[in-house]
Amino acid sequence: MQPLSRTVPPGLHKYRGPNHVLVSRRHSLRSLHARVRKLWETGRWDEVHLHGLGAAISQAIVLAAALEESDATMSASASTSTELLVDRDAQGEGVARYNSAIHVCLRRRSEPRG
């Protein structure tokens, strides 16, 4: 059996940008938390987006909850989706599969919560 190579999901480009953070199981929560805090504290954006795919969904949720709890000016809202992934074999033929994803938008509140 030939090994499969995984390719970047076709719609991933919409999740790229300076205020978008792709959450993966390879990064520690501490480093992801620090990255989001750094983006947030620059004041350049009123929104920071977290994206978790598959096994990283729970890590994205935990990160969003920790960030929202640590900052009274931050509000989180989430949405889910199903992303199309294509695994390519050695001959270049693709095998399509679907995976769940979560997208969390962290917004700046107009007034800190009490």
PDB file of N, CA and C in Angstrom:
ATOM      1  N   MET A   1       0.836  -1.183   0.000  1.00  0.00           N
ATOM      2  CA  MET A   1       0.000   0.000   0.000  1.00  0.00           C
ATOM      3  C   MET A   1       0.882   1.247   0.000  1.00  0.00           C
ATOM      4  N   GLN A   2       0.558   2.170  -0.867  1.00  0.00           N
ATOM      5  CA  GLN A   2       1.310   3.408  -1.010  1.00  0.00           C
ATOM      6  C   GLN A   2       0.921   4.394   0.098  1.00  0.00           C
ATOM      7  N   PRO A   3       1.883   5.147   0.633  1.00  0.00           N
ATOM      8  CA  PRO A   3       1.530   6.156   1.643  1.00  0.00           C
ATOM      9  C   PRO A   3       0.765   7.315   1.012  1.00  0.00           C
ATOM     10  N   LEU A   4      -0.118   7.890   1.790  1.00  0.00           N
ATOM     11  CA  LEU A   4      -0.890   9.046   1.339  1.00  0.00           C
ATOM     12  C   LEU A   4      -0.182  10.319   1.758  1.00  0.00           C
ATOM     13  N   SER A   5      -0.293  11.348   0.942  1.00  0.00           N
ATOM     14  CA  SER A   5       0.214  12.659   1.348  1.00  0.00           C
ATOM     15  C   SER A   5      -0.981  13.579   1.529  1.00  0.00           C
ATOM     16  N   ARG A   6      -0.941  14.334   2.569  1.00  0.00           N
ATOM     17  CA  ARG A   6      -2.051  15.237   2.862  1.00  0.00           C
ATOM     18  C   ARG A   6      -1.763  16.596   2.268  1.00  0.00           C
ATOM     19  N   THR A   7      -2.784  17.182   1.691  1.00  0.00           N
ATOM     20  CA  THR A   7      -2.642  18.500   1.091  1.00  0.00           C
ATOM     21  C   THR A   7      -3.420  19.517   1.917  1.00  0.00           C
ATOM     22  N   VAL A   8      -3.105  20.755   1.707  1.00  0.00           N
ATOM     23  CA  VAL A   8      -3.795  21.835   2.405  1.00  0.00           C
ATOM     24  C   VAL A   8      -5.243  21.871   1.923  1.00  0.00           C
ATOM     25  N   PRO A   9      -6.204  21.998   2.846  1.00  0.00           N
ATOM     26  CA  PRO A   9      -7.606  22.089   2.424  1.00  0.00           C
ATOM     27  C   PRO A   9      -7.806  23.244   1.446  1.00  0.00           C
ATOM     28  N   PRO A  10      -8.625  23.033   0.403  1.00  0.00           N
ATOM     29  CA  PRO A  10      -8.807  24.064  -0.622  1.00  0.00           C
ATOM     30  C   PRO A  10      -9.295  25.404  -0.085  1.00  0.00           C
ATOM     31  N   GLY A  11     -10.122  25.410   0.930  1.00  0.00           N
ATOM     32  CA  GLY A  11     -10.678  26.657   1.446  1.00  0.00           C
ATOM     33  C   GLY A  11      -9.858  27.301   2.545  1.00  0.00           C
ATOM     34  N   LEU A  12      -8.646  26.785   2.804  1.00  0.00           N
ATOM     35  CA  LEU A  12      -7.855  27.284   3.926  1.00  0.00           C
ATOM     36  C   LEU A  12      -7.419  28.734   3.745  1.00  0.00           C
ATOM     37  N   HIS A  13      -7.315  29.203   2.505  1.00  0.00           N
ATOM     38  CA  HIS A  13      -6.856  30.577   2.271  1.00  0.00           C
ATOM     39  C   HIS A  13      -7.736  31.612   2.962  1.00  0.00           C
ATOM     40  N   LYS A  14      -9.016  31.310   3.163  1.00  0.00           N
ATOM     41  CA  LYS A  14      -9.895  32.281   3.817  1.00  0.00           C
ATOM     42  C   LYS A  14      -9.613  32.391   5.313  1.00  0.00           C
ATOM     43  N   TYR A  15      -8.810  31.462   5.854  1.00  0.00           N
ATOM     44  CA  TYR A  15      -8.469  31.487   7.270  1.00  0.00           C
ATOM     45  C   TYR A  15      -7.056  32.004   7.509  1.00  0.00           C
ATOM     46  N   ARG A  16      -6.456  32.574   6.499  1.00  0.00           N
ATOM     47  CA  ARG A  16      -5.106  33.097   6.653  1.00  0.00           C
ATOM     48  C   ARG A  16      -5.161  34.609   6.777  1.00  0.00           C
ATOM     49  N   GLY A  17      -4.300  35.123   7.562  1.00  0.00           N
ATOM     50  CA  GLY A  17      -4.226  36.559   7.744  1.00  0.00           C
ATOM     51  C   GLY A  17      -3.514  36.844   9.052  1.00  0.00           C
ATOM     52  N   PRO A  18      -3.116  38.077   9.247  1.00  0.00           N
ATOM     53  CA  PRO A  18      -2.351  38.405  10.447  1.00  0.00           C
ATOM     54  C   PRO A  18      -3.138  38.245  11.742  1.00  0.00           C
ATOM     55  N   ASN A  19      -4.467  38.309  11.681  1.00  0.00           N
ATOM     56  CA  ASN A  19      -5.255  38.167  12.906  1.00  0.00           C
ATOM     57  C   ASN A  19      -5.995  36.826  12.951  1.00  0.00           C
ATOM     58  N   HIS A  20      -5.508  35.831  12.205  1.00  0.00           N
ATOM     59  CA  HIS A  20      -6.059  34.480  12.224  1.00  0.00           C
ATOM     60  C   HIS A  20      -5.011  33.533  12.793  1.00  0.00           C
ATOM     61  N   VAL A  21      -5.412  32.699  13.742  1.00  0.00           N
ATOM     62  CA  VAL A  21      -4.509  31.734  14.369  1.00  0.00           C
ATOM     63  C   VAL A  21      -5.051  30.339  14.106  1.00  0.00           C
ATOM     64  N   LEU A  22      -4.237  29.497  13.456  1.00  0.00           N
ATOM     65  CA  LEU A  22      -4.620  28.117  13.195  1.00  0.00           C
ATOM     66  C   LEU A  22      -4.154  27.263  14.373  1.00  0.00           C
ATOM     67  N   VAL A  23      -5.087  26.701  15.102  1.00  0.00           N
ATOM     68  CA  VAL A  23      -4.780  25.901  16.287  1.00  0.00           C
ATOM     69  C   VAL A  23      -4.491  24.475  15.841  1.00  0.00           C
ATOM     70  N   SER A  24      -3.373  23.924  16.310  1.00  0.00           N
ATOM     71  CA  SER A  24      -3.044  22.532  16.001  1.00  0.00           C
ATOM     72  C   SER A  24      -2.622  21.827  17.280  1.00  0.00           C
ATOM     73  N   ARG A  25      -2.597  20.514  17.230  1.00  0.00           N
ATOM     74  CA  ARG A  25      -2.197  19.727  18.398  1.00  0.00           C
ATOM     75  C   ARG A  25      -0.688  19.823  18.625  1.00  0.00           C
ATOM     76  N   ARG A  26       0.045  20.301  17.649  1.00  0.00           N
ATOM     77  CA  ARG A  26       1.506  20.385  17.766  1.00  0.00           C
ATOM     78  C   ARG A  26       1.970  21.569  18.614  1.00  0.00           C
ATOM     79  N   HIS A  27       1.122  22.579  18.744  1.00  0.00           N
ATOM     80  CA  HIS A  27       1.490  23.762  19.520  1.00  0.00           C
ATOM     81  C   HIS A  27       0.912  23.660  20.924  1.00  0.00           C
ATOM     82  N   SER A  28       1.674  24.103  21.893  1.00  0.00           N
ATOM     83  CA  SER A  28       1.179  24.083  23.270  1.00  0.00           C
ATOM     84  C   SER A  28       0.152  25.196  23.461  1.00  0.00           C
ATOM     85  N   LEU A  29      -0.745  24.974  24.419  1.00  0.00           N
ATOM     86  CA  LEU A  29      -1.734  26.010  24.731  1.00  0.00           C
ATOM     87  C   LEU A  29      -1.044  27.288  25.191  1.00  0.00           C
ATOM     88  N   ARG A  30       0.047  27.143  25.904  1.00  0.00           N
ATOM     89  CA  ARG A  30       0.779  28.315  26.398  1.00  0.00           C
ATOM     90  C   ARG A  30       1.290  29.179  25.239  1.00  0.00           C
ATOM     91  N   SER A  31       1.866  28.549  24.220  1.00  0.00           N
ATOM     92  CA  SER A  31       2.395  29.330  23.091  1.00  0.00           C
ATOM     93  C   SER A  31       1.266  29.952  22.267  1.00  0.00           C
ATOM     94  N   LEU A  32       0.169  29.219  22.086  1.00  0.00           N
ATOM     95  CA  LEU A  32      -0.978  29.771  21.360  1.00  0.00           C
ATOM     96  C   LEU A  32      -1.601  30.930  22.132  1.00  0.00           C
ATOM     97  N   HIS A  33      -1.703  30.774  23.454  1.00  0.00           N
ATOM     98  CA  HIS A  33      -2.249  31.834  24.310  1.00  0.00           C
ATOM     99  C   HIS A  33      -1.387  33.088  24.181  1.00  0.00           C
ATOM    100  N   ALA A  34      -0.075  32.914  24.228  1.00  0.00           N
ATOM    101  CA  ALA A  34       0.840  34.056  24.118  1.00  0.00           C
ATOM    102  C   ALA A  34       0.721  34.731  22.750  1.00  0.00           C
ATOM    103  N   ARG A  35       0.567  33.940  21.697  1.00  0.00           N
ATOM    104  CA  ARG A  35       0.442  34.507  20.357  1.00  0.00           C
ATOM    105  C   ARG A  35      -0.822  35.352  20.228  1.00  0.00           C
ATOM    106  N   VAL A  36      -1.941  34.829  20.734  1.00  0.00           N
ATOM    107  CA  VAL A  36      -3.205  35.568  20.654  1.00  0.00           C
ATOM    108  C   VAL A  36      -3.142  36.818  21.526  1.00  0.00           C
ATOM    109  N   ARG A  37      -2.579  36.716  22.729  1.00  0.00           N
ATOM    110  CA  ARG A  37      -2.456  37.890  23.610  1.00  0.00           C
ATOM    111  C   ARG A  37      -1.623  38.979  22.934  1.00  0.00           C
ATOM    112  N   LYS A  38      -0.561  38.574  22.266  1.00  0.00           N
ATOM    113  CA  LYS A  38       0.296  39.542  21.579  1.00  0.00           C
ATOM    114  C   LYS A  38      -0.484  40.252  20.465  1.00  0.00           C
ATOM    115  N   LEU A  39      -1.256  39.489  19.690  1.00  0.00           N
ATOM    116  CA  LEU A  39      -2.088  40.098  18.648  1.00  0.00           C
ATOM    117  C   LEU A  39      -3.109  41.049  19.258  1.00  0.00           C
ATOM    118  N   TRP A  40      -3.725  40.615  20.341  1.00  0.00           N
ATOM    119  CA  TRP A  40      -4.789  41.378  20.991  1.00  0.00           C
ATOM    120  C   TRP A  40      -4.249  42.683  21.564  1.00  0.00           C
ATOM    121  N   GLU A  41      -3.092  42.612  22.201  1.00  0.00           N
ATOM    122  CA  GLU A  41      -2.550  43.780  22.900  1.00  0.00           C
ATOM    123  C   GLU A  41      -1.967  44.830  21.963  1.00  0.00           C
ATOM    124  N   THR A  42      -1.733  44.481  20.704  1.00  0.00           N
ATOM    125  CA  THR A  42      -1.262  45.506  19.766  1.00  0.00           C
ATOM    126  C   THR A  42      -2.349  46.546  19.524  1.00  0.00           C
ATOM    127  N   GLY A  43      -3.623  46.149  19.719  1.00  0.00           N
ATOM    128  CA  GLY A  43      -4.731  47.066  19.493  1.00  0.00           C
ATOM    129  C   GLY A  43      -5.023  47.300  18.023  1.00  0.00           C
ATOM    130  N   ARG A  44      -4.336  46.584  17.168  1.00  0.00           N
ATOM    131  CA  ARG A  44      -4.486  46.778  15.727  1.00  0.00           C
ATOM    132  C   ARG A  44      -5.799  46.206  15.198  1.00  0.00           C
ATOM    133  N   TRP A  45      -6.304  45.144  15.850  1.00  0.00           N
ATOM    134  CA  TRP A  45      -7.539  44.508  15.397  1.00  0.00           C
ATOM    135  C   TRP A  45      -8.572  44.489  16.501  1.00  0.00           C
ATOM    136  N   ASP A  46      -9.828  44.601  16.106  1.00  0.00           N
ATOM    137  CA  ASP A  46     -10.931  44.450  17.049  1.00  0.00           C
ATOM    138  C   ASP A  46     -11.395  43.005  17.106  1.00  0.00           C
ATOM    139  N   GLU A  47     -10.861  42.158  16.214  1.00  0.00           N
ATOM    140  CA  GLU A  47     -11.202  40.736  16.183  1.00  0.00           C
ATOM    141  C   GLU A  47      -9.946  39.907  15.955  1.00  0.00           C
ATOM    142  N   VAL A  48      -9.868  38.777  16.648  1.00  0.00           N
ATOM    143  CA  VAL A  48      -8.843  37.765  16.395  1.00  0.00           C
ATOM    144  C   VAL A  48      -9.590  36.455  16.201  1.00  0.00           C
ATOM    145  N   HIS A  49      -9.218  35.702  15.171  1.00  0.00           N
ATOM    146  CA  HIS A  49      -9.935  34.472  14.827  1.00  0.00           C
ATOM    147  C   HIS A  49      -9.083  33.247  15.131  1.00  0.00           C
ATOM    148  N   LEU A  50      -9.690  32.250  15.781  1.00  0.00           N
ATOM    149  CA  LEU A  50      -9.049  30.961  16.032  1.00  0.00           C
ATOM    150  C   LEU A  50      -9.718  29.925  15.142  1.00  0.00           C
ATOM    151  N   HIS A  51      -8.932  29.025  14.568  1.00  0.00           N
ATOM    152  CA  HIS A  51      -9.478  27.969  13.714  1.00  0.00           C
ATOM    153  C   HIS A  51      -8.880  26.639  14.153  1.00  0.00           C
ATOM    154  N   GLY A  52      -9.736  25.661  14.446  1.00  0.00           N
ATOM    155  CA  GLY A  52      -9.293  24.329  14.826  1.00  0.00           C
ATOM    156  C   GLY A  52      -9.916  23.299  13.912  1.00  0.00           C
ATOM    157  N   LEU A  53      -9.136  22.342  13.463  1.00  0.00           N
ATOM    158  CA  LEU A  53      -9.600  21.310  12.537  1.00  0.00           C
ATOM    159  C   LEU A  53      -9.424  19.937  13.179  1.00  0.00           C
ATOM    160  N   GLY A  54     -10.466  19.118  13.146  1.00  0.00           N
ATOM    161  CA  GLY A  54     -10.383  17.734  13.620  1.00  0.00           C
ATOM    162  C   GLY A  54     -10.032  17.622  15.089  1.00  0.00           C
ATOM    163  N   ALA A  55      -8.906  16.962  15.367  1.00  0.00           N
ATOM    164  CA  ALA A  55      -8.486  16.710  16.743  1.00  0.00           C
ATOM    165  C   ALA A  55      -8.130  17.990  17.493  1.00  0.00           C
ATOM    166  N   ALA A  56      -7.941  19.095  16.796  1.00  0.00           N
ATOM    167  CA  ALA A  56      -7.582  20.363  17.439  1.00  0.00           C
ATOM    168  C   ALA A  56      -8.802  21.174  17.861  1.00  0.00           C
ATOM    169  N   ILE A  57     -10.010  20.661  17.622  1.00  0.00           N
ATOM    170  CA  ILE A  57     -11.221  21.394  17.997  1.00  0.00           C
ATOM    171  C   ILE A  57     -11.264  21.636  19.499  1.00  0.00           C
ATOM    172  N   SER A  58     -11.004  20.598  20.281  1.00  0.00           N
ATOM    173  CA  SER A  58     -11.071  20.764  21.738  1.00  0.00           C
ATOM    174  C   SER A  58     -10.020  21.753  22.225  1.00  0.00           C
ATOM    175  N   GLN A  59      -8.840  21.736  21.622  1.00  0.00           N
ATOM    176  CA  GLN A  59      -7.794  22.671  22.018  1.00  0.00           C
ATOM    177  C   GLN A  59      -8.198  24.107  21.677  1.00  0.00           C
ATOM    178  N   ALA A  60      -8.865  24.313  20.559  1.00  0.00           N
ATOM    179  CA  ALA A  60      -9.333  25.653  20.183  1.00  0.00           C
ATOM    180  C   ALA A  60     -10.390  26.151  21.164  1.00  0.00           C
ATOM    181  N   ILE A  61     -11.273  25.257  21.607  1.00  0.00           N
ATOM    182  CA  ILE A  61     -12.313  25.636  22.571  1.00  0.00           C
ATOM    183  C   ILE A  61     -11.698  25.998  23.916  1.00  0.00           C
ATOM    184  N   VAL A  62     -10.764  25.177  24.387  1.00  0.00           N
ATOM    185  CA  VAL A  62     -10.101  25.447  25.669  1.00  0.00           C
ATOM    186  C   VAL A  62      -9.341  26.769  25.602  1.00  0.00           C
ATOM    187  N   LEU A  63      -8.653  27.011  24.501  1.00  0.00           N
ATOM    188  CA  LEU A  63      -7.904  28.258  24.328  1.00  0.00           C
ATOM    189  C   LEU A  63      -8.835  29.463  24.338  1.00  0.00           C
ATOM    190  N   ALA A  64      -9.935  29.386  23.597  1.00  0.00           N
ATOM    191  CA  ALA A  64     -10.888  30.500  23.549  1.00  0.00           C
ATOM    192  C   ALA A  64     -11.477  30.776  24.926  1.00  0.00           C
ATOM    193  N   ALA A  65     -11.830  29.721  25.664  1.00  0.00           N
ATOM    194  CA  ALA A  65     -12.394  29.897  27.004  1.00  0.00           C
ATOM    195  C   ALA A  65     -11.377  30.531  27.946  1.00  0.00           C
ATOM    196  N   ALA A  66     -10.130  30.091  27.878  1.00  0.00           N
ATOM    197  CA  ALA A  66      -9.086  30.651  28.739  1.00  0.00           C
ATOM    198  C   ALA A  66      -8.835  32.120  28.411  1.00  0.00           C
ATOM    199  N   LEU A  67      -8.823  32.452  27.133  1.00  0.00           N
ATOM    200  CA  LEU A  67      -8.604  33.842  26.731  1.00  0.00           C
ATOM    201  C   LEU A  67      -9.757  34.736  27.165  1.00  0.00           C
ATOM    202  N   GLU A  68     -10.978  34.265  26.967  1.00  0.00           N
ATOM    203  CA  GLU A  68     -12.148  35.061  27.344  1.00  0.00           C
ATOM    204  C   GLU A  68     -12.203  35.265  28.855  1.00  0.00           C
ATOM    205  N   GLU A  69     -11.823  34.238  29.603  1.00  0.00           N
ATOM    206  CA  GLU A  69     -11.842  34.337  31.065  1.00  0.00           C
ATOM    207  C   GLU A  69     -10.760  35.278  31.586  1.00  0.00           C
ATOM    208  N   SER A  70      -9.629  35.341  30.884  1.00  0.00           N
ATOM    209  CA  SER A  70      -8.508  36.146  31.364  1.00  0.00           C
ATOM    210  C   SER A  70      -8.615  37.627  31.007  1.00  0.00           C
ATOM    211  N   ASP A  71      -9.538  37.987  30.124  1.00  0.00           N
ATOM    212  CA  ASP A  71      -9.638  39.374  29.678  1.00  0.00           C
ATOM    213  C   ASP A  71     -11.099  39.807  29.639  1.00  0.00           C
ATOM    214  N   ALA A  72     -11.437  40.792  30.447  1.00  0.00           N
ATOM    215  CA  ALA A  72     -12.827  41.263  30.541  1.00  0.00           C
ATOM    216  C   ALA A  72     -13.274  42.015  29.291  1.00  0.00           C
ATOM    217  N   THR A  73     -12.321  42.407  28.430  1.00  0.00           N
ATOM    218  CA  THR A  73     -12.700  43.145  27.224  1.00  0.00           C
ATOM    219  C   THR A  73     -12.895  42.228  26.018  1.00  0.00           C
ATOM    220  N   MET A  74     -12.796  40.912  26.229  1.00  0.00           N
ATOM    221  CA  MET A  74     -12.859  39.960  25.130  1.00  0.00           C
ATOM    222  C   MET A  74     -14.156  39.162  25.168  1.00  0.00           C
ATOM    223  N   SER A  75     -14.781  39.009  24.014  1.00  0.00           N
ATOM    224  CA  SER A  75     -16.005  38.224  23.881  1.00  0.00           C
ATOM    225  C   SER A  75     -15.794  37.192  22.773  1.00  0.00           C
ATOM    226  N   ALA A  76     -16.184  35.943  23.026  1.00  0.00           N
ATOM    227  CA  ALA A  76     -15.978  34.874  22.043  1.00  0.00           C
ATOM    228  C   ALA A  76     -17.300  34.400  21.465  1.00  0.00           C
ATOM    229  N   SER A  77     -17.301  34.131  20.169  1.00  0.00           N
ATOM    230  CA  SER A  77     -18.442  33.480  19.520  1.00  0.00           C
ATOM    231  C   SER A  77     -17.872  32.429  18.573  1.00  0.00           C
ATOM    232  N   ALA A  78     -18.567  31.304  18.463  1.00  0.00           N
ATOM    233  CA  ALA A  78     -18.038  30.188  17.681  1.00  0.00           C
ATOM    234  C   ALA A  78     -19.021  29.738  16.612  1.00  0.00           C
ATOM    235  N   SER A  79     -18.477  29.174  15.560  1.00  0.00           N
ATOM    236  CA  SER A  79     -19.277  28.510  14.533  1.00  0.00           C
ATOM    237  C   SER A  79     -18.524  27.251  14.120  1.00  0.00           C
ATOM    238  N   THR A  80     -19.254  26.295  13.575  1.00  0.00           N
ATOM    239  CA  THR A  80     -18.635  25.048  13.136  1.00  0.00           C
ATOM    240  C   THR A  80     -18.840  24.874  11.640  1.00  0.00           C
ATOM    241  N   SER A  81     -18.024  24.030  11.060  1.00  0.00           N
ATOM    242  CA  SER A  81     -18.156  23.730   9.638  1.00  0.00           C
ATOM    243  C   SER A  81     -17.600  22.339   9.372  1.00  0.00           C
ATOM    244  N   THR A  82     -17.812  21.873   8.171  1.00  0.00           N
ATOM    245  CA  THR A  82     -17.226  20.623   7.702  1.00  0.00           C
ATOM    246  C   THR A  82     -16.332  20.970   6.525  1.00  0.00           C
ATOM    247  N   GLU A  83     -15.050  20.631   6.641  1.00  0.00           N
ATOM    248  CA  GLU A  83     -14.073  20.984   5.616  1.00  0.00           C
ATOM    249  C   GLU A  83     -13.741  19.776   4.750  1.00  0.00           C
ATOM    250  N   LEU A  84     -13.628  19.984   3.453  1.00  0.00           N
ATOM    251  CA  LEU A  84     -13.224  18.951   2.512  1.00  0.00           C
ATOM    252  C   LEU A  84     -11.705  18.846   2.524  1.00  0.00           C
ATOM    253  N   LEU A  85     -11.182  17.652   2.753  1.00  0.00           N
ATOM    254  CA  LEU A  85      -9.745  17.390   2.719  1.00  0.00           C
ATOM    255  C   LEU A  85      -9.475  16.377   1.620  1.00  0.00           C
ATOM    256  N   VAL A  86      -8.322  16.475   0.975  1.00  0.00           N
ATOM    257  CA  VAL A  86      -7.955  15.538  -0.083  1.00  0.00           C
ATOM    258  C   VAL A  86      -6.602  14.935   0.261  1.00  0.00           C
ATOM    259  N   ASP A  87      -6.552  13.604   0.369  1.00  0.00           N
ATOM    260  CA  ASP A  87      -5.304  12.873   0.583  1.00  0.00           C
ATOM    261  C   ASP A  87      -4.864  12.317  -0.765  1.00  0.00           C
ATOM    262  N   ARG A  88      -3.627  12.592  -1.154  1.00  0.00           N
ATOM    263  CA  ARG A  88      -3.119  12.144  -2.459  1.00  0.00           C
ATOM    264  C   ARG A  88      -2.191  10.945  -2.267  1.00  0.00           C
ATOM    265  N   ASP A  89      -2.322   9.947  -3.160  1.00  0.00           N
ATOM    266  CA  ASP A  89      -1.419   8.802  -3.106  1.00  0.00           C
ATOM    267  C   ASP A  89      -0.209   9.075  -3.998  1.00  0.00           C
ATOM    268  N   ALA A  90       0.678   8.091  -4.146  1.00  0.00           N
ATOM    269  CA  ALA A  90       1.917   8.273  -4.904  1.00  0.00           C
ATOM    270  C   ALA A  90       1.658   8.587  -6.375  1.00  0.00           C
ATOM    271  N   GLN A  91       0.534   8.114  -6.920  1.00  0.00           N
ATOM    272  CA  GLN A  91       0.214   8.391  -8.315  1.00  0.00           C
ATOM    273  C   GLN A  91      -0.469   9.746  -8.496  1.00  0.00           C
ATOM    274  N   GLY A  92      -0.718  10.442  -7.428  1.00  0.00           N
ATOM    275  CA  GLY A  92      -1.356  11.751  -7.501  1.00  0.00           C
ATOM    276  C   GLY A  92      -2.866  11.710  -7.478  1.00  0.00           C
ATOM    277  N   GLU A  93      -3.426  10.510  -7.320  1.00  0.00           N
ATOM    278  CA  GLU A  93      -4.877  10.399  -7.243  1.00  0.00           C
ATOM    279  C   GLU A  93      -5.341  10.799  -5.849  1.00  0.00           C
ATOM    280  N   GLY A  94      -6.427  11.521  -5.808  1.00  0.00           N
ATOM    281  CA  GLY A  94      -6.910  12.040  -4.540  1.00  0.00           C
ATOM    282  C   GLY A  94      -8.029  11.214  -3.943  1.00  0.00           C
ATOM    283  N   VAL A  95      -8.022  11.145  -2.628  1.00  0.00           N
ATOM    284  CA  VAL A  95      -9.099  10.509  -1.873  1.00  0.00           C
ATOM    285  C   VAL A  95      -9.712  11.607  -1.010  1.00  0.00           C
ATOM    286  N   ALA A  96     -10.974  11.909  -1.263  1.00  0.00           N
ATOM    287  CA  ALA A  96     -11.640  12.987  -0.528  1.00  0.00           C
ATOM    288  C   ALA A  96     -12.183  12.465   0.795  1.00  0.00           C
ATOM    289  N   ARG A  97     -12.102  13.305   1.801  1.00  0.00           N
ATOM    290  CA  ARG A  97     -12.709  13.007   3.095  1.00  0.00           C
ATOM    291  C   ARG A  97     -13.118  14.335   3.716  1.00  0.00           C
ATOM    292  N   TYR A  98     -13.948  14.249   4.710  1.00  0.00           N
ATOM    293  CA  TYR A  98     -14.445  15.448   5.380  1.00  0.00           C
ATOM    294  C   TYR A  98     -14.020  15.427   6.836  1.00  0.00           C
ATOM    295  N   ASN A  99     -13.813  16.617   7.387  1.00  0.00           N
ATOM    296  CA  ASN A  99     -13.416  16.736   8.780  1.00  0.00           C
ATOM    297  C   ASN A  99     -14.119  17.944   9.391  1.00  0.00           C
ATOM    298  N   SER A 100     -14.468  17.826  10.645  1.00  0.00           N
ATOM    299  CA  SER A 100     -15.132  18.922  11.353  1.00  0.00           C
ATOM    300  C   SER A 100     -14.135  20.017  11.692  1.00  0.00           C
ATOM    301  N   ALA A 101     -14.636  21.237  11.785  1.00  0.00           N
ATOM    302  CA  ALA A 101     -13.795  22.377  12.137  1.00  0.00           C
ATOM    303  C   ALA A 101     -14.590  23.334  13.012  1.00  0.00           C
ATOM    304  N   ILE A 102     -13.852  24.113  13.803  1.00  0.00           N
ATOM    305  CA  ILE A 102     -14.474  25.165  14.611  1.00  0.00           C
ATOM    306  C   ILE A 102     -13.760  26.476  14.307  1.00  0.00           C
ATOM    307  N   HIS A 103     -14.523  27.537  14.307  1.00  0.00           N
ATOM    308  CA  HIS A 103     -14.001  28.877  14.052  1.00  0.00           C
ATOM    309  C   HIS A 103     -14.497  29.763  15.190  1.00  0.00           C
ATOM    310  N   VAL A 104     -13.570  30.323  15.945  1.00  0.00           N
ATOM    311  CA  VAL A 104     -13.918  31.159  17.096  1.00  0.00           C
ATOM    312  C   VAL A 104     -13.472  32.582  16.801  1.00  0.00           C
ATOM    313  N   CYS A 105     -14.402  33.508  16.925  1.00  0.00           N
ATOM    314  CA  CYS A 105     -14.103  34.923  16.733  1.00  0.00           C
ATOM    315  C   CYS A 105     -14.040  35.580  18.109  1.00  0.00           C
ATOM    316  N   LEU A 106     -12.890  36.127  18.442  1.00  0.00           N
ATOM    317  CA  LEU A 106     -12.708  36.864  19.695  1.00  0.00           C
ATOM    318  C   LEU A 106     -12.830  38.342  19.361  1.00  0.00           C
ATOM    319  N   ARG A 107     -13.850  38.987  19.925  1.00  0.00           N
ATOM    320  CA  ARG A 107     -14.123  40.402  19.632  1.00  0.00           C
ATOM    321  C   ARG A 107     -13.860  41.265  20.857  1.00  0.00           C
ATOM    322  N   ARG A 108     -13.495  42.496  20.569  1.00  0.00           N
ATOM    323  CA  ARG A 108     -13.298  43.476  21.634  1.00  0.00           C
ATOM    324  C   ARG A 108     -14.664  44.006  22.061  1.00  0.00           C
ATOM    325  N   ARG A 109     -14.944  43.939  23.344  1.00  0.00           N
ATOM    326  CA  ARG A 109     -16.211  44.463  23.882  1.00  0.00           C
ATOM    327  C   ARG A 109     -16.125  45.978  23.978  1.00  0.00           C
ATOM    328  N   SER A 110     -17.273  46.634  23.816  1.00  0.00           N
ATOM    329  CA  SER A 110     -17.287  48.087  23.974  1.00  0.00           C
ATOM    330  C   SER A 110     -17.143  48.463  25.449  1.00  0.00           C
ATOM    331  N   GLU A 111     -17.695  47.632  26.332  1.00  0.00           N
ATOM    332  CA  GLU A 111     -17.555  47.843  27.776  1.00  0.00           C
ATOM    333  C   GLU A 111     -17.120  46.539  28.422  1.00  0.00           C
ATOM    334  N   PRO A 112     -16.152  46.595  29.338  1.00  0.00           N
ATOM    335  CA  PRO A 112     -15.743  45.370  30.034  1.00  0.00           C
ATOM    336  C   PRO A 112     -16.909  44.778  30.815  1.00  0.00           C
ATOM    337  N   ARG A 113     -16.956  43.455  30.847  1.00  0.00           N
ATOM    338  CA  ARG A 113     -18.030  42.814  31.615  1.00  0.00           C
ATOM    339  C   ARG A 113     -17.760  42.993  33.100  1.00  0.00           C
ATOM    340  N   GLY A 114     -18.822  43.061  33.857  1.00  0.00           N
ATOM    341  CA  GLY A 114     -18.720  43.346  35.290  1.00  0.00           C
ATOM    342  C   GLY A 114     -18.595  42.167  36.074  1.00  0.00           C
TER     343      GLY A 114
END
